[in-house]
Amino acid sequence: MGIELTPAFWSGLAQIILVNIVLSGDNALVIALACRNLDKRHQRPAILIGSAGAIVLRIIFVLIVDQLLKIGYLKLIGGLLLLWIGIKLVQGEEEGGDGVKGAGSLWAAIRTIIIADAVMSLDNAIAIAAAAHGNVTLIILGLLISIPLIIFGATLIMLLLNRFPIIVIAGGALLGYIAGEVLATDPAYAEWLAAKLPNAKMIFEIGGAVITVAIGYLLQYRARQRAHAEPIDLAKKSSGKE
């Protein structure tokens, strides 16, 4: 199928790229958070694979978004998954007795990125599909052009994480906020929930952010307590043998 380089085509392409730039901030944040504990040699491959995976998922979701939105409880499952991912990212890797963070796993990071992107790309796909007016060529070109932007964004955020650890908490809260929005808008029960609970969407969003940070911090605290307790236990066992 040929591509007609008309003003309408360029206008549509610009809209797709602009929409994707606006919507890709959370994707870049997830990629940066998931890769922050990896060895330096693994960070670049994880960012590249994660970014490519985000774009591929978004292309697929844009093409079948109408069918996806009809599946009841899909957003419920996705919201719970995203909530869990946010908690794990706030928790971070367990620290050893010397206070040095674990290196993390390349494929574990990629898996986290792909799952989170799958959840977040559903709502993003709606905006992209609307901007493209059903033109598949525009969708694919616009999203492919956006890959370097996501990679740059993730790389920049990861550099900032080293200087400003508070970004981890803010990122976790954002993921919890998005998870709350996803949970509150599942078509299977969204109308019923809105009727039973006024401002349900806002309550779920704020609640998701608070729960994510609170549980993530609690798990992080417990992991540190265990890490500090292990050397003491080993010392006691050693002195007992002597």
C-alpha atoms as a PDB file:
ATOM      1  CA  MET A   1       0.000   0.000   0.000  1.00  0.00           C
ATOM      2  CA  GLY A   2       1.502   3.325  -1.048  1.00  0.00           C
ATOM      3  CA  ILE A   3       1.917   6.304   1.243  1.00  0.00           C
ATOM      4  CA  GLU A   4       0.488   9.612   0.061  1.00  0.00           C
ATOM      5  CA  LEU A   5       2.611  12.410   1.501  1.00  0.00           C
ATOM      6  CA  THR A   6      -0.235  14.888   1.728  1.00  0.00           C
ATOM      7  CA  PRO A   7      -0.589  17.715   4.281  1.00  0.00           C
ATOM      8  CA  ALA A   8      -3.169  15.558   6.062  1.00  0.00           C
ATOM      9  CA  PHE A   9      -0.623  12.727   6.342  1.00  0.00           C
ATOM     10  CA  TRP A  10       2.055  14.979   7.866  1.00  0.00           C
ATOM     11  CA  SER A  11      -0.487  16.569  10.185  1.00  0.00           C
ATOM     12  CA  GLY A  12      -1.655  13.150  11.372  1.00  0.00           C
ATOM     13  CA  LEU A  13       1.920  11.938  11.831  1.00  0.00           C
ATOM     14  CA  ALA A  14       2.768  15.012  13.903  1.00  0.00           C
ATOM     15  CA  GLN A  15      -0.301  14.404  16.080  1.00  0.00           C
ATOM     16  CA  ILE A  16       0.663  10.768  16.686  1.00  0.00           C
ATOM     17  CA  ILE A  17       4.226  11.718  17.662  1.00  0.00           C
ATOM     18  CA  LEU A  18       3.001  14.529  19.928  1.00  0.00           C
ATOM     19  CA  VAL A  19       0.424  12.305  21.628  1.00  0.00           C
ATOM     20  CA  ASN A  20       3.022   9.595  22.158  1.00  0.00           C
ATOM     21  CA  ILE A  21       5.527  12.066  23.623  1.00  0.00           C
ATOM     22  CA  VAL A  22       2.923  13.225  26.124  1.00  0.00           C
ATOM     23  CA  LEU A  23       1.866   9.676  26.984  1.00  0.00           C
ATOM     24  CA  SER A  24       5.331   8.129  27.123  1.00  0.00           C
ATOM     25  CA  GLY A  25       6.491   9.830  30.294  1.00  0.00           C
ATOM     26  CA  ASP A  26       5.146   7.028  32.476  1.00  0.00           C
ATOM     27  CA  ASN A  27       6.702   4.391  30.194  1.00  0.00           C
ATOM     28  CA  ALA A  28      10.106   6.086  30.435  1.00  0.00           C
ATOM     29  CA  LEU A  29       9.738   6.279  34.209  1.00  0.00           C
ATOM     30  CA  VAL A  30       8.932   2.569  34.519  1.00  0.00           C
ATOM     31  CA  ILE A  31      11.914   1.655  32.337  1.00  0.00           C
ATOM     32  CA  ALA A  32      14.246   3.838  34.419  1.00  0.00           C
ATOM     33  CA  LEU A  33      12.972   2.456  37.737  1.00  0.00           C
ATOM     34  CA  ALA A  34      13.185  -1.145  36.538  1.00  0.00           C
ATOM     35  CA  CYS A  35      16.753  -0.703  35.256  1.00  0.00           C
ATOM     36  CA  ARG A  36      18.241   1.360  38.053  1.00  0.00           C
ATOM     37  CA  ASN A  37      19.694  -1.615  39.950  1.00  0.00           C
ATOM     38  CA  LEU A  38      21.183  -3.382  36.931  1.00  0.00           C
ATOM     39  CA  ASP A  39      24.887  -3.529  36.175  1.00  0.00           C
ATOM     40  CA  LYS A  40      25.987  -0.773  33.811  1.00  0.00           C
ATOM     41  CA  ARG A  41      26.557  -3.294  31.025  1.00  0.00           C
ATOM     42  CA  HIS A  42      22.961  -4.506  31.294  1.00  0.00           C
ATOM     43  CA  GLN A  43      21.222  -1.125  31.540  1.00  0.00           C
ATOM     44  CA  ARG A  44      21.496  -0.192  27.862  1.00  0.00           C
ATOM     45  CA  PRO A  45      20.142  -3.533  26.523  1.00  0.00           C
ATOM     46  CA  ALA A  46      17.286  -3.418  29.056  1.00  0.00           C
ATOM     47  CA  ILE A  47      16.357   0.134  28.031  1.00  0.00           C
ATOM     48  CA  LEU A  48      16.485  -0.720  24.319  1.00  0.00           C
ATOM     49  CA  ILE A  49      14.474  -3.937  24.636  1.00  0.00           C
ATOM     50  CA  GLY A  50      12.011  -2.362  27.072  1.00  0.00           C
ATOM     51  CA  SER A  51      11.444   0.661  24.824  1.00  0.00           C
ATOM     52  CA  ALA A  52      10.965  -1.518  21.749  1.00  0.00           C
ATOM     53  CA  GLY A  53       8.553  -3.715  23.686  1.00  0.00           C
ATOM     54  CA  ALA A  54       6.555  -0.666  24.779  1.00  0.00           C
ATOM     55  CA  ILE A  55       6.151   0.490  21.180  1.00  0.00           C
ATOM     56  CA  VAL A  56       5.236  -2.967  19.856  1.00  0.00           C
ATOM     57  CA  LEU A  57       2.598  -3.377  22.560  1.00  0.00           C
ATOM     58  CA  ARG A  58       1.188   0.054  21.833  1.00  0.00           C
ATOM     59  CA  ILE A  59       0.922  -0.710  18.112  1.00  0.00           C
ATOM     60  CA  ILE A  60      -0.902  -3.980  18.841  1.00  0.00           C
ATOM     61  CA  PHE A  61      -3.247  -2.354  21.345  1.00  0.00           C
ATOM     62  CA  VAL A  62      -4.082   0.534  19.007  1.00  0.00           C
ATOM     63  CA  LEU A  63      -5.064  -1.927  16.287  1.00  0.00           C
ATOM     64  CA  ILE A  64      -7.352  -3.962  18.564  1.00  0.00           C
ATOM     65  CA  VAL A  65      -8.362  -1.340  21.144  1.00  0.00           C
ATOM     66  CA  ASP A  66     -12.077  -1.607  20.354  1.00  0.00           C
ATOM     67  CA  GLN A  67     -12.042  -5.338  21.097  1.00  0.00           C
ATOM     68  CA  LEU A  68      -9.949  -4.928  24.250  1.00  0.00           C
ATOM     69  CA  LEU A  69     -12.298  -2.378  25.782  1.00  0.00           C
ATOM     70  CA  LYS A  70     -15.176  -4.854  25.530  1.00  0.00           C
ATOM     71  CA  ILE A  71     -13.430  -7.452  27.716  1.00  0.00           C
ATOM     72  CA  GLY A  72     -14.843  -7.211  31.224  1.00  0.00           C
ATOM     73  CA  TYR A  73     -12.447  -7.255  34.201  1.00  0.00           C
ATOM     74  CA  LEU A  74      -9.390  -6.911  31.941  1.00  0.00           C
ATOM     75  CA  LYS A  75      -8.606  -3.520  33.458  1.00  0.00           C
ATOM     76  CA  LEU A  76      -9.179  -4.919  36.940  1.00  0.00           C
ATOM     77  CA  ILE A  77      -6.458  -7.514  36.376  1.00  0.00           C
ATOM     78  CA  GLY A  78      -4.195  -4.939  34.725  1.00  0.00           C
ATOM     79  CA  GLY A  79      -4.685  -2.433  37.547  1.00  0.00           C
ATOM     80  CA  LEU A  80      -3.772  -5.002  40.202  1.00  0.00           C
ATOM     81  CA  LEU A  81      -0.679  -5.987  38.211  1.00  0.00           C
ATOM     82  CA  LEU A  82       0.400  -2.360  37.888  1.00  0.00           C
ATOM     83  CA  LEU A  83      -0.183  -1.817  41.623  1.00  0.00           C
ATOM     84  CA  TRP A  84       2.061  -4.788  42.388  1.00  0.00           C
ATOM     85  CA  ILE A  85       4.750  -3.525  39.997  1.00  0.00           C
ATOM     86  CA  GLY A  86       4.675  -0.077  41.623  1.00  0.00           C
ATOM     87  CA  ILE A  87       5.104  -1.629  45.072  1.00  0.00           C
ATOM     88  CA  LYS A  88       8.050  -3.747  43.933  1.00  0.00           C
ATOM     89  CA  LEU A  89       9.730  -0.759  42.291  1.00  0.00           C
ATOM     90  CA  VAL A  90       9.393   1.328  45.460  1.00  0.00           C
ATOM     91  CA  GLN A  91      10.696  -1.593  47.506  1.00  0.00           C
ATOM     92  CA  GLY A  92      13.747  -1.896  45.238  1.00  0.00           C
ATOM     93  CA  GLU A  93      16.364  -4.623  45.423  1.00  0.00           C
ATOM     94  CA  GLU A  94      17.259  -6.060  48.784  1.00  0.00           C
ATOM     95  CA  GLU A  95      20.468  -4.740  50.195  1.00  0.00           C
ATOM     96  CA  GLY A  96      23.294  -6.857  51.447  1.00  0.00           C
ATOM     97  CA  GLY A  97      24.996  -6.391  54.814  1.00  0.00           C
ATOM     98  CA  ASP A  98      27.403  -3.884  53.304  1.00  0.00           C
ATOM     99  CA  GLY A  99      24.543  -1.645  52.178  1.00  0.00           C
ATOM    100  CA  VAL A 100      25.249  -2.219  48.496  1.00  0.00           C
ATOM    101  CA  LYS A 101      22.175  -2.796  46.335  1.00  0.00           C
ATOM    102  CA  GLY A 102      21.858  -6.059  44.475  1.00  0.00           C
ATOM    103  CA  ALA A 103      22.684  -5.996  40.798  1.00  0.00           C
ATOM    104  CA  GLY A 104      19.251  -7.192  39.701  1.00  0.00           C
ATOM    105  CA  SER A 105      18.385  -9.353  36.691  1.00  0.00           C
ATOM    106  CA  LEU A 106      18.318  -8.166  33.097  1.00  0.00           C
ATOM    107  CA  TRP A 107      15.362 -10.351  32.159  1.00  0.00           C
ATOM    108  CA  ALA A 108      13.514  -9.565  35.388  1.00  0.00           C
ATOM    109  CA  ALA A 109      13.808  -5.857  34.534  1.00  0.00           C
ATOM    110  CA  ILE A 110      12.607  -6.447  30.976  1.00  0.00           C
ATOM    111  CA  ARG A 111       9.674  -8.527  32.261  1.00  0.00           C
ATOM    112  CA  THR A 112       8.677  -5.731  34.648  1.00  0.00           C
ATOM    113  CA  ILE A 113       8.849  -3.166  31.836  1.00  0.00           C
ATOM    114  CA  ILE A 114       6.764  -5.270  29.444  1.00  0.00           C
ATOM    115  CA  ILE A 115       4.015  -6.026  31.993  1.00  0.00           C
ATOM    116  CA  ALA A 116       3.753  -2.402  33.127  1.00  0.00           C
ATOM    117  CA  ASP A 117       3.729  -1.129  29.551  1.00  0.00           C
ATOM    118  CA  ALA A 118       1.005  -3.617  28.641  1.00  0.00           C
ATOM    119  CA  VAL A 119      -1.247  -2.192  31.352  1.00  0.00           C
ATOM    120  CA  MET A 120      -0.482   1.483  30.718  1.00  0.00           C
ATOM    121  CA  SER A 121      -0.660   1.205  26.933  1.00  0.00           C
ATOM    122  CA  LEU A 122      -4.367   0.308  26.940  1.00  0.00           C
ATOM    123  CA  ASP A 123      -5.616   3.795  27.757  1.00  0.00           C
ATOM    124  CA  ASN A 124      -2.807   5.383  25.715  1.00  0.00           C
ATOM    125  CA  ALA A 125      -3.935   3.373  22.688  1.00  0.00           C
ATOM    126  CA  ILE A 126      -7.321   5.096  22.746  1.00  0.00           C
ATOM    127  CA  ALA A 127      -5.772   8.563  22.322  1.00  0.00           C
ATOM    128  CA  ILE A 128      -3.391   7.375  19.604  1.00  0.00           C
ATOM    129  CA  ALA A 129      -6.156   5.604  17.672  1.00  0.00           C
ATOM    130  CA  ALA A 130      -8.275   8.761  17.794  1.00  0.00           C
ATOM    131  CA  ALA A 131      -5.407  10.904  16.477  1.00  0.00           C
ATOM    132  CA  ALA A 132      -4.675   8.439  13.650  1.00  0.00           C
ATOM    133  CA  HIS A 133      -8.289   8.181  12.423  1.00  0.00           C
ATOM    134  CA  GLY A 134      -7.761   4.508  11.604  1.00  0.00           C
ATOM    135  CA  ASN A 135      -4.646   5.019   9.439  1.00  0.00           C
ATOM    136  CA  VAL A 136      -2.427   2.043  10.349  1.00  0.00           C
ATOM    137  CA  THR A 137       0.589   3.468   8.492  1.00  0.00           C
ATOM    138  CA  LEU A 138       0.425   6.639  10.572  1.00  0.00           C
ATOM    139  CA  ILE A 139       0.157   4.653  13.777  1.00  0.00           C
ATOM    140  CA  ILE A 140       3.199   2.485  13.056  1.00  0.00           C
ATOM    141  CA  LEU A 141       5.383   5.313  11.718  1.00  0.00           C
ATOM    142  CA  GLY A 142       4.499   7.671  14.555  1.00  0.00           C
ATOM    143  CA  LEU A 143       5.216   5.114  17.239  1.00  0.00           C
ATOM    144  CA  LEU A 144       8.467   3.931  15.658  1.00  0.00           C
ATOM    145  CA  ILE A 145       9.725   7.508  15.418  1.00  0.00           C
ATOM    146  CA  SER A 146       8.952   7.852  19.135  1.00  0.00           C
ATOM    147  CA  ILE A 147      11.316   5.026  20.195  1.00  0.00           C
ATOM    148  CA  PRO A 148      14.397   7.314  20.513  1.00  0.00           C
ATOM    149  CA  LEU A 149      12.329   9.720  22.615  1.00  0.00           C
ATOM    150  CA  ILE A 150      11.404   6.974  25.088  1.00  0.00           C
ATOM    151  CA  ILE A 151      15.021   5.755  25.225  1.00  0.00           C
ATOM    152  CA  PHE A 152      16.289   9.285  25.857  1.00  0.00           C
ATOM    153  CA  GLY A 153      13.635   9.888  28.513  1.00  0.00           C
ATOM    154  CA  ALA A 154      14.412   6.639  30.340  1.00  0.00           C
ATOM    155  CA  THR A 155      18.167   7.301  30.220  1.00  0.00           C
ATOM    156  CA  LEU A 156      17.728  10.840  31.562  1.00  0.00           C
ATOM    157  CA  ILE A 157      15.429   9.729  34.381  1.00  0.00           C
ATOM    158  CA  MET A 158      17.835   6.948  35.369  1.00  0.00           C
ATOM    159  CA  LEU A 159      20.662   9.488  35.670  1.00  0.00           C
ATOM    160  CA  LEU A 160      18.455  11.701  37.833  1.00  0.00           C
ATOM    161  CA  LEU A 161      17.560   8.743  40.075  1.00  0.00           C
ATOM    162  CA  ASN A 162      21.158   8.562  41.275  1.00  0.00           C
ATOM    163  CA  ARG A 163      21.089  12.199  42.371  1.00  0.00           C
ATOM    164  CA  PHE A 164      17.474  12.454  43.527  1.00  0.00           C
ATOM    165  CA  PRO A 165      16.251   9.189  45.125  1.00  0.00           C
ATOM    166  CA  ILE A 166      12.914  10.884  45.880  1.00  0.00           C
ATOM    167  CA  ILE A 167      12.068  10.290  42.213  1.00  0.00           C
ATOM    168  CA  VAL A 168      11.691   6.591  43.046  1.00  0.00           C
ATOM    169  CA  ILE A 169       8.947   7.414  45.544  1.00  0.00           C
ATOM    170  CA  ALA A 170       7.307   9.866  43.162  1.00  0.00           C
ATOM    171  CA  GLY A 171       7.477   7.274  40.385  1.00  0.00           C
ATOM    172  CA  GLY A 172       5.946   4.594  42.584  1.00  0.00           C
ATOM    173  CA  ALA A 173       3.173   6.980  43.586  1.00  0.00           C
ATOM    174  CA  LEU A 174       2.512   7.776  39.923  1.00  0.00           C
ATOM    175  CA  LEU A 175       2.229   4.088  39.055  1.00  0.00           C
ATOM    176  CA  GLY A 176      -0.144   3.575  41.983  1.00  0.00           C
ATOM    177  CA  TYR A 177      -2.179   6.570  40.812  1.00  0.00           C
ATOM    178  CA  ILE A 178      -2.424   5.126  37.290  1.00  0.00           C
ATOM    179  CA  ALA A 179      -3.301   1.709  38.735  1.00  0.00           C
ATOM    180  CA  GLY A 180      -6.140   3.296  40.701  1.00  0.00           C
ATOM    181  CA  GLU A 181      -7.471   4.951  37.558  1.00  0.00           C
ATOM    182  CA  VAL A 182      -7.330   1.636  35.675  1.00  0.00           C
ATOM    183  CA  LEU A 183      -9.099  -0.191  38.502  1.00  0.00           C
ATOM    184  CA  ALA A 184     -11.886   2.397  38.736  1.00  0.00           C
ATOM    185  CA  THR A 185     -12.669   2.472  35.016  1.00  0.00           C
ATOM    186  CA  ASP A 186     -13.173  -1.195  34.153  1.00  0.00           C
ATOM    187  CA  PRO A 187     -16.282  -1.295  31.913  1.00  0.00           C
ATOM    188  CA  ALA A 188     -17.610  -4.332  33.792  1.00  0.00           C
ATOM    189  CA  TYR A 189     -18.414  -2.301  36.906  1.00  0.00           C
ATOM    190  CA  ALA A 190     -17.423   1.355  36.294  1.00  0.00           C
ATOM    191  CA  GLU A 191     -21.023   2.674  36.174  1.00  0.00           C
ATOM    192  CA  TRP A 192     -22.051   0.691  39.256  1.00  0.00           C
ATOM    193  CA  LEU A 193     -18.989   1.908  41.174  1.00  0.00           C
ATOM    194  CA  ALA A 194     -19.600   5.539  40.209  1.00  0.00           C
ATOM    195  CA  ALA A 195     -23.212   5.273  41.404  1.00  0.00           C
ATOM    196  CA  LYS A 196     -22.259   3.652  44.719  1.00  0.00           C
ATOM    197  CA  LEU A 197     -19.177   5.749  45.444  1.00  0.00           C
ATOM    198  CA  PRO A 198     -19.119   9.422  44.408  1.00  0.00           C
ATOM    199  CA  ASN A 199     -15.700  10.521  43.135  1.00  0.00           C
ATOM    200  CA  ALA A 200     -14.715   6.848  42.927  1.00  0.00           C
ATOM    201  CA  LYS A 201     -12.049   7.491  40.288  1.00  0.00           C
ATOM    202  CA  MET A 202     -10.272  10.143  42.377  1.00  0.00           C
ATOM    203  CA  ILE A 203     -10.502   7.995  45.528  1.00  0.00           C
ATOM    204  CA  PHE A 204      -9.003   4.996  43.725  1.00  0.00           C
ATOM    205  CA  GLU A 205      -6.245   7.132  42.186  1.00  0.00           C
ATOM    206  CA  ILE A 206      -5.176   8.705  45.486  1.00  0.00           C
ATOM    207  CA  GLY A 207      -5.618   5.422  47.332  1.00  0.00           C
ATOM    208  CA  GLY A 208      -3.504   3.596  44.766  1.00  0.00           C
ATOM    209  CA  ALA A 209      -0.670   6.118  45.146  1.00  0.00           C
ATOM    210  CA  VAL A 210      -0.728   5.942  48.955  1.00  0.00           C
ATOM    211  CA  ILE A 211      -0.968   2.137  49.084  1.00  0.00           C
ATOM    212  CA  THR A 212       1.881   1.683  46.609  1.00  0.00           C
ATOM    213  CA  VAL A 213       4.307   3.903  48.512  1.00  0.00           C
ATOM    214  CA  ALA A 214       3.251   2.645  51.963  1.00  0.00           C
ATOM    215  CA  ILE A 215       3.514  -1.069  51.180  1.00  0.00           C
ATOM    216  CA  GLY A 216       6.684  -0.571  49.136  1.00  0.00           C
ATOM    217  CA  TYR A 217       8.343   1.243  52.047  1.00  0.00           C
ATOM    218  CA  LEU A 218       7.148  -1.401  54.529  1.00  0.00           C
ATOM    219  CA  LEU A 219       8.613  -4.226  52.441  1.00  0.00           C
ATOM    220  CA  GLN A 220      11.843  -2.251  52.005  1.00  0.00           C
ATOM    221  CA  TYR A 221      12.073  -1.696  55.771  1.00  0.00           C
ATOM    222  CA  ARG A 222      11.523  -5.397  56.517  1.00  0.00           C
ATOM    223  CA  ALA A 223      14.149  -6.389  53.944  1.00  0.00           C
ATOM    224  CA  ARG A 224      16.685  -4.082  55.582  1.00  0.00           C
ATOM    225  CA  GLN A 225      15.846  -5.442  59.034  1.00  0.00           C
ATOM    226  CA  ARG A 226      16.446  -8.998  57.801  1.00  0.00           C
ATOM    227  CA  ALA A 227      19.716  -7.947  56.134  1.00  0.00           C
ATOM    228  CA  HIS A 228      20.990  -6.369  59.351  1.00  0.00           C
ATOM    229  CA  ALA A 229      19.871  -9.326  61.462  1.00  0.00           C
ATOM    230  CA  GLU A 230      21.643 -11.974  59.368  1.00  0.00           C
ATOM    231  CA  PRO A 231      25.255 -10.938  60.269  1.00  0.00           C
ATOM    232  CA  ILE A 232      24.300 -10.909  63.973  1.00  0.00           C
ATOM    233  CA  ASP A 233      22.812 -14.403  63.734  1.00  0.00           C
ATOM    234  CA  LEU A 234      25.895 -15.685  61.926  1.00  0.00           C
ATOM    235  CA  ALA A 235      28.161 -14.134  64.574  1.00  0.00           C
ATOM    236  CA  LYS A 236      26.186 -15.795  67.373  1.00  0.00           C
ATOM    237  CA  LYS A 237      26.370 -19.206  65.660  1.00  0.00           C
ATOM    238  CA  SER A 238      30.098 -18.776  65.088  1.00  0.00           C
ATOM    239  CA  SER A 239      30.791 -17.828  68.716  1.00  0.00           C
ATOM    240  CA  GLY A 240      28.651 -20.723  69.904  1.00  0.00           C
ATOM    241  CA  LYS A 241      30.718 -23.222  67.937  1.00  0.00           C
ATOM    242  CA  GLU A 242      33.923 -21.830  69.371  1.00  0.00           C
END
